[in-house]
Amino acid sequence: MPAPLVTLTTDYGAGSGYPAQLKGVLLAAEPDLRIVDLSHGVPAYDLLAGALLLEACVPAFAVEAIHLAVVDPGVGTERRGICVVDGEGRRLVGPDNGLFTPFLGPEARVYELSDPLLVPQPRRATFHGRDVFAPVAAALAGGLDPSRLGPQVEDPILLEWPVAERIAGQVRGVTLAVDPFGNLVTSIRECDLAGAEVRLALCDGRPARWVRTFGDGQPGELLAMLGSSGRVEVAVREGSAAGHLHRWRGVEVRLLLGAAGPLGAPGGPC
């Protein structure tokens, strides 16, 4: 049987010593643990960017994996620490500040990290990732049932989650995050298109050609496409859409649609 796996997602910065301290705590408790860094480059304090990264990456792992995520502008305050068990059984550990919004569906169970026999008291007020969340993740990797960590939380914090607006003939959304290539991830998901043919994309009022993949565009051309995460992305072939548009969050994106099946209620979720 393979050793347990824990993923790490933080805004600590890959060049800092903080991720290494998390790994030290995890391996001290579970020496055979496998650890995968999703990213330590989440923009500082950017909960939405962290949540989108988790949304894209976590489903790639087996449900048995444990996901330790720390983007925590409220560290040391009264905000709760939580363990989320989503509807598929995935386990995520970190602060209760909206970071786990994509996994807080109606079937999710959320437990407060409060049992003093299982959840350590932090050594420092400023590093709960090392002092609280990493030991809990290690305990889960060792077989701890999440329900033993503390009482069930009925009101976990949710981010204001931008969604697409669907109206006759078009879908409207906004850019939410940027990847290292300068591609912009939007609030428009594949299900918002409902199988419709996209005739034209407009990004901040500028036309962007709808393509299947980056190579279908010309170098330097503004493009839009369905990205690997299942969300529409804006890109520039061999360039940066963020640089082209001079910003990366809040850019309005409109997709003009051709004939297709029903788009559903305006503004409703997929």
C-alpha atoms as a PDB file:
ATOM      1  CA  MET A   1       0.000   0.000   0.000  1.00  0.00           C
ATOM      2  CA  PRO A   2       1.497   3.404  -0.974  1.00  0.00           C
ATOM      3  CA  ALA A   3       2.452   5.860   1.741  1.00  0.00           C
ATOM      4  CA  PRO A   4      -0.038   8.658   2.473  1.00  0.00           C
ATOM      5  CA  LEU A   5       0.242  11.811   0.359  1.00  0.00           C
ATOM      6  CA  VAL A   6      -0.087  15.425   1.501  1.00  0.00           C
ATOM      7  CA  THR A   7      -0.162  18.404  -0.854  1.00  0.00           C
ATOM      8  CA  LEU A   8       0.949  21.895   0.170  1.00  0.00           C
ATOM      9  CA  THR A   9      -0.458  25.203  -1.074  1.00  0.00           C
ATOM     10  CA  THR A  10       0.670  28.489   0.465  1.00  0.00           C
ATOM     11  CA  ASP A  11       1.541  32.107  -0.208  1.00  0.00           C
ATOM     12  CA  TYR A  12       4.826  31.676   1.670  1.00  0.00           C
ATOM     13  CA  GLY A  13       7.063  32.011  -1.386  1.00  0.00           C
ATOM     14  CA  ALA A  14       9.165  29.181  -2.773  1.00  0.00           C
ATOM     15  CA  GLY A  15      12.366  30.942  -1.760  1.00  0.00           C
ATOM     16  CA  SER A  16      11.449  31.235   1.907  1.00  0.00           C
ATOM     17  CA  GLY A  17      12.148  28.697   4.619  1.00  0.00           C
ATOM     18  CA  TYR A  18       8.506  28.413   5.611  1.00  0.00           C
ATOM     19  CA  PRO A  19       7.510  25.532   3.285  1.00  0.00           C
ATOM     20  CA  ALA A  20      10.515  23.556   4.549  1.00  0.00           C
ATOM     21  CA  GLN A  21       9.288  23.974   8.122  1.00  0.00           C
ATOM     22  CA  LEU A  22       5.890  22.540   7.161  1.00  0.00           C
ATOM     23  CA  LYS A  23       7.612  19.571   5.577  1.00  0.00           C
ATOM     24  CA  GLY A  24       9.821  19.093   8.624  1.00  0.00           C
ATOM     25  CA  VAL A  25       6.783  18.853  10.909  1.00  0.00           C
ATOM     26  CA  LEU A  26       4.986  16.481   8.529  1.00  0.00           C
ATOM     27  CA  LEU A  27       7.961  14.159   8.108  1.00  0.00           C
ATOM     28  CA  ALA A  28       8.827  14.170  11.795  1.00  0.00           C
ATOM     29  CA  ALA A  29       5.356  12.799  12.482  1.00  0.00           C
ATOM     30  CA  GLU A  30       5.088  10.525   9.415  1.00  0.00           C
ATOM     31  CA  PRO A  31       8.568   9.722   8.009  1.00  0.00           C
ATOM     32  CA  ASP A  32       7.237   7.786   5.015  1.00  0.00           C
ATOM     33  CA  LEU A  33       4.873  10.539   3.948  1.00  0.00           C
ATOM     34  CA  ARG A  34       4.848  11.649   0.323  1.00  0.00           C
ATOM     35  CA  ILE A  35       4.629  15.446  -0.081  1.00  0.00           C
ATOM     36  CA  VAL A  36       3.693  17.343  -3.245  1.00  0.00           C
ATOM     37  CA  ASP A  37       3.990  21.115  -3.525  1.00  0.00           C
ATOM     38  CA  LEU A  38       1.013  22.454  -5.453  1.00  0.00           C
ATOM     39  CA  SER A  39       2.391  25.984  -5.149  1.00  0.00           C
ATOM     40  CA  HIS A  40       3.993  28.333  -2.678  1.00  0.00           C
ATOM     41  CA  GLY A  41       3.558  31.207  -5.119  1.00  0.00           C
ATOM     42  CA  VAL A  42      -0.030  32.183  -4.378  1.00  0.00           C
ATOM     43  CA  PRO A  43      -0.020  36.013  -4.313  1.00  0.00           C
ATOM     44  CA  ALA A  44       0.293  37.149  -0.711  1.00  0.00           C
ATOM     45  CA  TYR A  45      -3.059  37.150   1.123  1.00  0.00           C
ATOM     46  CA  ASP A  46      -4.967  36.442  -2.136  1.00  0.00           C
ATOM     47  CA  LEU A  47      -7.675  34.029  -1.032  1.00  0.00           C
ATOM     48  CA  LEU A  48      -9.445  33.960  -4.392  1.00  0.00           C
ATOM     49  CA  ALA A  49      -6.251  33.041  -6.245  1.00  0.00           C
ATOM     50  CA  GLY A  50      -5.553  30.311  -3.688  1.00  0.00           C
ATOM     51  CA  ALA A  51      -9.080  28.952  -3.946  1.00  0.00           C
ATOM     52  CA  LEU A  52      -8.897  28.835  -7.743  1.00  0.00           C
ATOM     53  CA  LEU A  53      -5.565  27.029  -7.583  1.00  0.00           C
ATOM     54  CA  LEU A  54      -7.040  24.416  -5.265  1.00  0.00           C
ATOM     55  CA  GLU A  55     -10.111  24.082  -7.488  1.00  0.00           C
ATOM     56  CA  ALA A  56      -7.862  23.335 -10.475  1.00  0.00           C
ATOM     57  CA  CYS A  57      -5.341  21.040  -8.779  1.00  0.00           C
ATOM     58  CA  VAL A  58      -6.993  19.068  -5.992  1.00  0.00           C
ATOM     59  CA  PRO A  59      -9.249  16.936  -8.259  1.00  0.00           C
ATOM     60  CA  ALA A  60      -6.140  15.598 -10.017  1.00  0.00           C
ATOM     61  CA  PHE A  61      -5.216  13.647  -6.877  1.00  0.00           C
ATOM     62  CA  ALA A  62      -6.752  10.506  -5.469  1.00  0.00           C
ATOM     63  CA  VAL A  63      -9.423  11.237  -2.878  1.00  0.00           C
ATOM     64  CA  GLU A  64      -7.209   9.685  -0.184  1.00  0.00           C
ATOM     65  CA  ALA A  65      -4.732  12.587  -0.445  1.00  0.00           C
ATOM     66  CA  ILE A  66      -4.757  15.282   2.224  1.00  0.00           C
ATOM     67  CA  HIS A  67      -4.482  18.917   1.168  1.00  0.00           C
ATOM     68  CA  LEU A  68      -2.831  21.396   3.512  1.00  0.00           C
ATOM     69  CA  ALA A  69      -3.463  24.963   2.323  1.00  0.00           C
ATOM     70  CA  VAL A  70      -2.473  28.158   4.090  1.00  0.00           C
ATOM     71  CA  VAL A  71      -3.266  31.620   2.768  1.00  0.00           C
ATOM     72  CA  ASP A  72      -4.026  33.266   6.051  1.00  0.00           C
ATOM     73  CA  PRO A  73      -4.167  37.053   6.477  1.00  0.00           C
ATOM     74  CA  GLY A  74      -5.998  36.470   9.785  1.00  0.00           C
ATOM     75  CA  VAL A  75      -3.351  34.232  11.361  1.00  0.00           C
ATOM     76  CA  GLY A  76      -3.282  34.485  15.149  1.00  0.00           C
ATOM     77  CA  THR A  77      -6.772  35.973  15.406  1.00  0.00           C
ATOM     78  CA  GLU A  78     -10.003  34.298  16.461  1.00  0.00           C
ATOM     79  CA  ARG A  79     -10.627  32.837  12.981  1.00  0.00           C
ATOM     80  CA  ARG A  80     -11.099  29.068  13.157  1.00  0.00           C
ATOM     81  CA  GLY A  81      -8.911  26.329  11.847  1.00  0.00           C
ATOM     82  CA  ILE A  82     -10.911  23.693   9.960  1.00  0.00           C
ATOM     83  CA  CYS A  83     -10.805  20.361   8.212  1.00  0.00           C
ATOM     84  CA  VAL A  84     -13.122  20.136   5.202  1.00  0.00           C
ATOM     85  CA  VAL A  85     -14.345  16.783   3.934  1.00  0.00           C
ATOM     86  CA  ASP A  86     -15.999  17.486   0.608  1.00  0.00           C
ATOM     87  CA  GLY A  87     -18.757  15.480  -1.047  1.00  0.00           C
ATOM     88  CA  GLU A  88     -16.207  13.184  -2.694  1.00  0.00           C
ATOM     89  CA  GLY A  89     -14.351  12.523   0.548  1.00  0.00           C
ATOM     90  CA  ARG A  90     -11.366  14.793  -0.097  1.00  0.00           C
ATOM     91  CA  ARG A  91      -9.813  16.268   3.052  1.00  0.00           C
ATOM     92  CA  LEU A  92      -8.485  19.819   3.220  1.00  0.00           C
ATOM     93  CA  VAL A  93      -6.888  21.475   6.254  1.00  0.00           C
ATOM     94  CA  GLY A  94      -6.310  25.174   6.852  1.00  0.00           C
ATOM     95  CA  PRO A  95      -7.908  28.426   7.992  1.00  0.00           C
ATOM     96  CA  ASP A  96     -11.636  29.093   7.886  1.00  0.00           C
ATOM     97  CA  ASN A  97     -11.466  32.190   5.697  1.00  0.00           C
ATOM     98  CA  GLY A  98     -13.013  31.154   2.376  1.00  0.00           C
ATOM     99  CA  LEU A  99      -9.930  29.453   0.946  1.00  0.00           C
ATOM    100  CA  PHE A 100     -11.866  26.179   0.612  1.00  0.00           C
ATOM    101  CA  THR A 101     -14.973  27.704  -1.013  1.00  0.00           C
ATOM    102  CA  PRO A 102     -14.864  25.429  -4.120  1.00  0.00           C
ATOM    103  CA  PHE A 103     -15.191  22.371  -1.867  1.00  0.00           C
ATOM    104  CA  LEU A 104     -17.925  23.628   0.453  1.00  0.00           C
ATOM    105  CA  GLY A 105     -20.874  22.168  -1.415  1.00  0.00           C
ATOM    106  CA  PRO A 106     -24.058  20.968   0.272  1.00  0.00           C
ATOM    107  CA  GLU A 107     -22.601  17.513   0.990  1.00  0.00           C
ATOM    108  CA  ALA A 108     -19.393  18.813   2.582  1.00  0.00           C
ATOM    109  CA  ARG A 109     -18.676  18.292   6.269  1.00  0.00           C
ATOM    110  CA  VAL A 110     -16.491  20.781   8.124  1.00  0.00           C
ATOM    111  CA  TYR A 111     -14.845  20.196  11.493  1.00  0.00           C
ATOM    112  CA  GLU A 112     -13.305  22.813  13.747  1.00  0.00           C
ATOM    113  CA  LEU A 113      -9.755  22.103  14.876  1.00  0.00           C
ATOM    114  CA  SER A 114     -10.410  22.382  18.597  1.00  0.00           C
ATOM    115  CA  ASP A 115      -9.820  19.118  20.482  1.00  0.00           C
ATOM    116  CA  PRO A 116      -6.862  19.962  22.779  1.00  0.00           C
ATOM    117  CA  LEU A 117      -5.759  16.330  22.834  1.00  0.00           C
ATOM    118  CA  LEU A 118      -5.385  16.216  19.035  1.00  0.00           C
ATOM    119  CA  VAL A 119      -4.819  19.821  17.948  1.00  0.00           C
ATOM    120  CA  PRO A 120      -1.622  21.372  19.358  1.00  0.00           C
ATOM    121  CA  GLN A 121      -1.473  24.859  20.790  1.00  0.00           C
ATOM    122  CA  PRO A 122       0.558  27.112  18.484  1.00  0.00           C
ATOM    123  CA  ARG A 123       4.101  27.888  19.571  1.00  0.00           C
ATOM    124  CA  ARG A 124       3.866  31.286  17.883  1.00  0.00           C
ATOM    125  CA  ALA A 125       0.861  33.446  16.993  1.00  0.00           C
ATOM    126  CA  THR A 126       2.182  34.026  13.482  1.00  0.00           C
ATOM    127  CA  PHE A 127       2.766  30.517  12.094  1.00  0.00           C
ATOM    128  CA  HIS A 128      -0.308  28.313  12.428  1.00  0.00           C
ATOM    129  CA  GLY A 129       0.684  26.511   9.226  1.00  0.00           C
ATOM    130  CA  ARG A 130       3.642  24.953  11.028  1.00  0.00           C
ATOM    131  CA  ASP A 131       2.227  24.777  14.544  1.00  0.00           C
ATOM    132  CA  VAL A 132      -1.398  23.728  13.973  1.00  0.00           C
ATOM    133  CA  PHE A 133      -2.279  22.770  10.411  1.00  0.00           C
ATOM    134  CA  ALA A 134       0.780  20.643   9.594  1.00  0.00           C
ATOM    135  CA  PRO A 135       0.423  18.465  12.738  1.00  0.00           C
ATOM    136  CA  VAL A 136      -3.266  17.968  11.977  1.00  0.00           C
ATOM    137  CA  ALA A 137      -2.522  17.035   8.358  1.00  0.00           C
ATOM    138  CA  ALA A 138       0.075  14.532   9.578  1.00  0.00           C
ATOM    139  CA  ALA A 139      -2.445  13.027  11.997  1.00  0.00           C
ATOM    140  CA  LEU A 140      -4.979  12.642   9.187  1.00  0.00           C
ATOM    141  CA  ALA A 141      -2.299  10.996   7.051  1.00  0.00           C
ATOM    142  CA  GLY A 142      -1.750   8.607   9.939  1.00  0.00           C
ATOM    143  CA  GLY A 143      -5.394   7.574   9.888  1.00  0.00           C
ATOM    144  CA  LEU A 144      -7.137  10.036  12.225  1.00  0.00           C
ATOM    145  CA  ASP A 145     -10.869  10.381  11.589  1.00  0.00           C
ATOM    146  CA  PRO A 146     -11.590  14.089  10.864  1.00  0.00           C
ATOM    147  CA  SER A 147     -14.685  14.003  13.056  1.00  0.00           C
ATOM    148  CA  ARG A 148     -12.444  13.609  16.114  1.00  0.00           C
ATOM    149  CA  LEU A 149     -10.829  17.008  15.580  1.00  0.00           C
ATOM    150  CA  GLY A 150     -13.737  18.991  16.962  1.00  0.00           C
ATOM    151  CA  PRO A 151     -17.393  19.875  16.492  1.00  0.00           C
ATOM    152  CA  GLN A 152     -18.959  20.160  13.076  1.00  0.00           C
ATOM    153  CA  VAL A 153     -19.019  23.697  11.658  1.00  0.00           C
ATOM    154  CA  GLU A 154     -22.343  24.740  10.153  1.00  0.00           C
ATOM    155  CA  ASP A 155     -21.291  28.194   8.932  1.00  0.00           C
ATOM    156  CA  PRO A 156     -17.874  27.984   7.225  1.00  0.00           C
ATOM    157  CA  ILE A 157     -16.700  31.204   5.609  1.00  0.00           C
ATOM    158  CA  LEU A 158     -17.436  31.440   1.884  1.00  0.00           C
ATOM    159  CA  LEU A 159     -15.806  33.822  -0.556  1.00  0.00           C
ATOM    160  CA  GLU A 160     -17.917  35.934  -2.854  1.00  0.00           C
ATOM    161  CA  TRP A 161     -17.507  33.570  -5.779  1.00  0.00           C
ATOM    162  CA  PRO A 162     -17.767  35.333  -9.163  1.00  0.00           C
ATOM    163  CA  VAL A 163     -19.997  33.495 -11.631  1.00  0.00           C
ATOM    164  CA  ALA A 164     -20.861  34.058 -15.253  1.00  0.00           C
ATOM    165  CA  GLU A 165     -23.964  35.930 -16.307  1.00  0.00           C
ATOM    166  CA  ARG A 166     -25.857  34.096 -19.008  1.00  0.00           C
ATOM    167  CA  ILE A 167     -28.231  36.078 -21.171  1.00  0.00           C
ATOM    168  CA  ALA A 168     -29.640  35.517 -24.660  1.00  0.00           C
ATOM    169  CA  GLY A 169     -26.825  35.308 -27.156  1.00  0.00           C
ATOM    170  CA  GLN A 170     -23.891  35.838 -24.824  1.00  0.00           C
ATOM    171  CA  VAL A 171     -22.104  34.886 -21.634  1.00  0.00           C
ATOM    172  CA  ARG A 172     -20.397  37.531 -19.515  1.00  0.00           C
ATOM    173  CA  GLY A 173     -17.748  37.089 -16.871  1.00  0.00           C
ATOM    174  CA  VAL A 174     -14.568  38.597 -15.453  1.00  0.00           C
ATOM    175  CA  THR A 175     -10.948  37.587 -15.150  1.00  0.00           C
ATOM    176  CA  LEU A 176     -10.041  36.217 -11.728  1.00  0.00           C
ATOM    177  CA  ALA A 177      -6.433  35.041 -11.694  1.00  0.00           C
ATOM    178  CA  VAL A 178      -3.259  34.976 -13.749  1.00  0.00           C
ATOM    179  CA  ASP A 179      -0.920  32.052 -14.325  1.00  0.00           C
ATOM    180  CA  PRO A 180       2.891  32.273 -14.745  1.00  0.00           C
ATOM    181  CA  PHE A 181       2.488  32.654 -18.526  1.00  0.00           C
ATOM    182  CA  GLY A 182       0.199  35.674 -18.154  1.00  0.00           C
ATOM    183  CA  ASN A 183      -2.927  33.725 -19.133  1.00  0.00           C
ATOM    184  CA  LEU A 184      -6.055  35.005 -17.405  1.00  0.00           C
ATOM    185  CA  VAL A 185      -8.522  32.579 -15.807  1.00  0.00           C
ATOM    186  CA  THR A 186     -12.122  33.781 -15.907  1.00  0.00           C
ATOM    187  CA  SER A 187     -15.368  33.210 -14.050  1.00  0.00           C
ATOM    188  CA  ILE A 188     -16.855  31.544 -17.183  1.00  0.00           C
ATOM    189  CA  ARG A 189     -16.925  27.760 -16.953  1.00  0.00           C
ATOM    190  CA  GLU A 190     -17.474  25.157 -19.632  1.00  0.00           C
ATOM    191  CA  CYS A 191     -20.966  24.463 -18.355  1.00  0.00           C
ATOM    192  CA  ASP A 192     -21.879  28.145 -18.843  1.00  0.00           C
ATOM    193  CA  LEU A 193     -21.506  27.645 -22.580  1.00  0.00           C
ATOM    194  CA  ALA A 194     -23.975  24.741 -22.626  1.00  0.00           C
ATOM    195  CA  GLY A 195     -22.506  23.452 -25.873  1.00  0.00           C
ATOM    196  CA  ALA A 196     -22.914  26.764 -27.692  1.00  0.00           C
ATOM    197  CA  GLU A 197     -20.571  27.820 -30.470  1.00  0.00           C
ATOM    198  CA  VAL A 198     -18.560  30.888 -29.510  1.00  0.00           C
ATOM    199  CA  ARG A 199     -18.489  33.381 -32.393  1.00  0.00           C
ATOM    200  CA  LEU A 200     -16.369  36.080 -30.778  1.00  0.00           C
ATOM    201  CA  ALA A 201     -14.808  36.978 -27.454  1.00  0.00           C
ATOM    202  CA  LEU A 202     -14.482  40.548 -26.190  1.00  0.00           C
ATOM    203  CA  CYS A 203     -11.951  41.279 -23.451  1.00  0.00           C
ATOM    204  CA  ASP A 204     -12.290  44.743 -21.989  1.00  0.00           C
ATOM    205  CA  GLY A 205     -14.063  45.586 -25.239  1.00  0.00           C
ATOM    206  CA  ARG A 206     -11.190  44.314 -27.393  1.00  0.00           C
ATOM    207  CA  PRO A 207     -11.853  41.416 -29.783  1.00  0.00           C
ATOM    208  CA  ALA A 208     -10.149  38.140 -28.979  1.00  0.00           C
ATOM    209  CA  ARG A 209     -10.301  35.221 -31.379  1.00  0.00           C
ATOM    210  CA  TRP A 210     -11.898  32.071 -29.977  1.00  0.00           C
ATOM    211  CA  VAL A 211      -9.564  29.116 -30.552  1.00  0.00           C
ATOM    212  CA  ARG A 212      -9.159  25.526 -29.445  1.00  0.00           C
ATOM    213  CA  THR A 213      -5.573  25.898 -28.248  1.00  0.00           C
ATOM    214  CA  PHE A 214      -2.680  28.379 -28.096  1.00  0.00           C
ATOM    215  CA  GLY A 215      -1.085  27.151 -31.337  1.00  0.00           C
ATOM    216  CA  ASP A 216      -4.188  28.077 -33.321  1.00  0.00           C
ATOM    217  CA  GLY A 217      -3.392  31.771 -32.828  1.00  0.00           C
ATOM    218  CA  GLN A 218      -0.744  33.996 -34.341  1.00  0.00           C
ATOM    219  CA  PRO A 219       2.199  35.161 -32.214  1.00  0.00           C
ATOM    220  CA  GLY A 220       1.107  38.208 -30.214  1.00  0.00           C
ATOM    221  CA  GLU A 221      -2.598  37.669 -30.962  1.00  0.00           C
ATOM    222  CA  LEU A 222      -5.205  38.052 -28.187  1.00  0.00           C
ATOM    223  CA  LEU A 223      -7.071  34.765 -27.816  1.00  0.00           C
ATOM    224  CA  ALA A 224      -9.778  33.143 -25.730  1.00  0.00           C
ATOM    225  CA  MET A 225     -10.282  29.426 -25.218  1.00  0.00           C
ATOM    226  CA  LEU A 226     -11.505  26.769 -22.835  1.00  0.00           C
ATOM    227  CA  GLY A 227      -8.554  26.119 -20.536  1.00  0.00           C
ATOM    228  CA  SER A 228      -7.383  22.912 -18.924  1.00  0.00           C
ATOM    229  CA  SER A 229      -9.174  23.707 -15.645  1.00  0.00           C
ATOM    230  CA  GLY A 230     -12.584  23.839 -17.349  1.00  0.00           C
ATOM    231  CA  ARG A 231     -12.715  27.642 -17.208  1.00  0.00           C
ATOM    232  CA  VAL A 232     -12.450  30.037 -20.122  1.00  0.00           C
ATOM    233  CA  GLU A 233      -9.029  31.669 -20.321  1.00  0.00           C
ATOM    234  CA  VAL A 234      -7.714  34.725 -22.120  1.00  0.00           C
ATOM    235  CA  ALA A 235      -4.233  34.386 -23.586  1.00  0.00           C
ATOM    236  CA  VAL A 236      -1.709  35.869 -25.987  1.00  0.00           C
ATOM    237  CA  ARG A 237       0.227  33.361 -28.047  1.00  0.00           C
ATOM    238  CA  GLU A 238       3.870  33.527 -26.979  1.00  0.00           C
ATOM    239  CA  GLY A 239       3.041  36.528 -24.838  1.00  0.00           C
ATOM    240  CA  SER A 240       1.151  37.686 -21.756  1.00  0.00           C
ATOM    241  CA  ALA A 241      -2.538  38.539 -21.763  1.00  0.00           C
ATOM    242  CA  ALA A 242      -2.041  40.301 -18.422  1.00  0.00           C
ATOM    243  CA  GLY A 243       0.614  42.489 -20.014  1.00  0.00           C
ATOM    244  CA  HIS A 244      -1.454  43.027 -23.146  1.00  0.00           C
ATOM    245  CA  LEU A 245      -4.480  44.200 -21.153  1.00  0.00           C
ATOM    246  CA  HIS A 246      -2.362  45.965 -18.475  1.00  0.00           C
ATOM    247  CA  ARG A 247      -4.206  44.229 -15.646  1.00  0.00           C
ATOM    248  CA  TRP A 248      -5.225  40.728 -14.670  1.00  0.00           C
ATOM    249  CA  ARG A 249      -8.241  40.798 -12.360  1.00  0.00           C
ATOM    250  CA  GLY A 250     -11.632  42.306 -13.090  1.00  0.00           C
ATOM    251  CA  VAL A 251     -11.309  42.491 -16.887  1.00  0.00           C
ATOM    252  CA  GLU A 252     -14.777  42.031 -18.403  1.00  0.00           C
ATOM    253  CA  VAL A 253     -15.007  39.094 -20.791  1.00  0.00           C
ATOM    254  CA  ARG A 254     -17.999  38.610 -23.094  1.00  0.00           C
ATOM    255  CA  LEU A 255     -18.526  35.606 -25.317  1.00  0.00           C
ATOM    256  CA  LEU A 256     -20.938  36.099 -28.220  1.00  0.00           C
ATOM    257  CA  LEU A 257     -22.636  32.827 -28.984  1.00  0.00           C
ATOM    258  CA  GLY A 258     -24.082  31.133 -32.010  1.00  0.00           C
ATOM    259  CA  ALA A 259     -26.861  28.571 -32.112  1.00  0.00           C
ATOM    260  CA  ALA A 260     -26.833  26.005 -29.331  1.00  0.00           C
ATOM    261  CA  GLY A 261     -28.883  24.359 -26.635  1.00  0.00           C
ATOM    262  CA  PRO A 262     -30.561  26.271 -23.777  1.00  0.00           C
ATOM    263  CA  LEU A 263     -28.352  28.422 -21.590  1.00  0.00           C
ATOM    264  CA  GLY A 264     -30.479  28.184 -18.466  1.00  0.00           C
ATOM    265  CA  ALA A 265     -31.633  30.946 -16.145  1.00  0.00           C
ATOM    266  CA  PRO A 266     -29.762  34.258 -16.421  1.00  0.00           C
ATOM    267  CA  GLY A 267     -27.138  34.492 -13.726  1.00  0.00           C
ATOM    268  CA  GLY A 268     -27.943  31.032 -12.345  1.00  0.00           C
ATOM    269  CA  PRO A 269     -25.223  28.529 -11.456  1.00  0.00           C
ATOM    270  CA  CYS A 270     -24.183  25.733 -13.788  1.00  0.00           C
END
